[in-house]
Amino acid sequence: MQSSNDLIKTVEVESGSYYYKPNAITVKKDERVKIVMHSVSMMHDFNIDELNVKIPIVKNGDTSTVEFIADKVGTFEYYCSVGQHRQMGQVGKLIVE
């Protein structure tokens, strides 16, 4: 028997000076996704507007998580809304197949 944790796709995301690593994440439609974001410099957040996903500001050295269901097929931008981080390239893409 599988536990509920077996059914969650966990993705570790590093947020640093105007980047996310990885900068692309691929999941399946209707998959439960857990993003674990580690901030390694400055303060950052994590947003996917179309899926109503948000990790509030995480300070340097801290970690935060969000779980959601990837219920739409497509490619969605994730980004940092702190200051000009998004405009400076702190973006990535979530691909839901």
Protein backbone atom coordinates (compact mmCIF):
# COMPACT_ATOMS: atom_id res chain seq x y z
CA MET A 1 0.00 0.00 0.00
CA GLN A 2 1.31 3.46 -0.89
CA SER A 3 1.31 6.28 1.61
CA SER A 4 0.17 9.74 0.57
CA ASN A 5 3.83 10.85 0.53
CA ASP A 6 4.50 8.31 -2.27
CA LEU A 7 1.99 10.16 -4.43
CA ILE A 8 3.63 13.58 -4.14
CA LYS A 9 6.31 14.72 -6.58
CA THR A 10 8.78 16.70 -4.48
CA VAL A 11 11.02 19.20 -6.27
CA GLU A 12 13.88 20.97 -4.51
CA VAL A 13 14.36 24.51 -5.87
CA GLU A 14 17.32 26.74 -5.06
CA SER A 15 16.69 30.47 -5.27
CA GLY A 16 19.74 32.71 -5.52
CA SER A 17 20.88 35.98 -7.04
CA TYR A 18 18.33 36.32 -9.84
CA TYR A 19 17.98 32.61 -10.64
CA TYR A 20 16.10 29.44 -9.77
CA LYS A 21 17.74 26.04 -10.03
CA PRO A 22 16.27 24.10 -11.73
CA ASN A 23 14.84 26.64 -14.14
CA ALA A 24 12.44 24.06 -15.63
CA ILE A 25 10.24 21.50 -13.88
CA THR A 26 8.13 18.86 -15.66
CA VAL A 27 5.14 17.17 -14.01
CA LYS A 28 2.08 15.22 -15.10
CA LYS A 29 -1.44 16.66 -15.19
CA ASP A 30 -3.30 16.11 -11.91
CA GLU A 31 -0.06 15.22 -10.12
CA ARG A 32 0.34 16.50 -6.56
CA VAL A 33 3.49 18.63 -6.50
CA LYS A 34 5.51 19.82 -3.52
CA ILE A 35 8.01 22.64 -4.13
CA VAL A 36 10.70 22.96 -1.45
CA MET A 37 12.43 26.30 -1.98
CA HIS A 38 15.81 27.05 -0.40
CA SER A 39 16.95 30.68 -0.48
CA VAL A 40 20.75 30.84 -0.76
CA SER A 41 21.05 34.62 -1.12
CA MET A 42 18.86 37.64 -0.41
CA MET A 43 15.08 37.24 -0.04
CA HIS A 44 12.94 35.51 -2.65
CA ASP A 45 9.43 34.22 -3.22
CA PHE A 46 7.94 31.76 -5.73
CA ASN A 47 4.82 32.36 -7.80
CA ILE A 48 2.85 30.57 -10.52
CA ASP A 49 -0.12 32.82 -11.21
CA GLU A 50 -2.16 30.46 -13.42
CA LEU A 51 -2.13 27.71 -10.77
CA ASN A 52 -2.54 30.03 -7.75
CA VAL A 53 0.79 28.85 -6.33
CA LYS A 54 2.72 31.11 -3.96
CA ILE A 55 5.56 30.73 -1.50
CA PRO A 56 5.82 33.97 0.50
CA ILE A 57 9.19 35.68 0.94
CA VAL A 58 11.91 33.33 2.19
CA LYS A 59 14.96 34.92 3.83
CA ASN A 60 18.55 33.99 2.99
CA GLY A 61 19.33 30.58 4.50
CA ASP A 62 15.70 29.62 5.07
CA THR A 63 13.42 27.08 3.38
CA SER A 64 9.68 27.06 2.68
CA THR A 65 7.30 24.73 0.86
CA VAL A 66 4.06 24.75 -1.08
CA GLU A 67 1.91 21.88 -2.34
CA PHE A 68 -0.55 22.02 -5.21
CA ILE A 69 -2.28 19.91 -7.85
CA ALA A 70 -1.02 20.53 -11.40
CA ASP A 71 -4.55 20.57 -12.80
CA LYS A 72 -3.90 22.38 -16.11
CA VAL A 73 -1.83 21.23 -19.09
CA GLY A 74 0.62 23.78 -20.43
CA THR A 75 3.79 25.71 -19.73
CA PHE A 76 3.59 28.15 -16.85
CA GLU A 77 6.17 30.70 -15.74
CA TYR A 78 7.33 30.71 -12.15
CA TYR A 79 8.99 33.87 -10.92
CA CYS A 80 10.21 35.94 -7.99
CA SER A 81 8.14 39.08 -7.36
CA VAL A 82 10.65 40.70 -4.97
CA GLY A 83 11.92 44.02 -6.33
CA GLN A 84 13.10 43.67 -9.94
CA HIS A 85 14.12 39.98 -9.59
CA ARG A 86 11.66 38.79 -12.26
CA GLN A 87 12.84 41.42 -14.74
CA MET A 88 16.45 40.50 -13.95
CA GLY A 89 15.84 36.89 -14.99
CA GLN A 90 14.64 35.09 -11.87
CA VAL A 91 12.10 33.00 -13.74
CA GLY A 92 11.58 29.37 -14.68
CA LYS A 93 8.96 27.23 -16.33
CA LEU A 94 6.65 24.54 -15.02
CA ILE A 95 5.67 22.14 -17.80
CA VAL A 96 2.50 20.15 -17.12
CA GLU A 97 2.02 17.26 -19.57
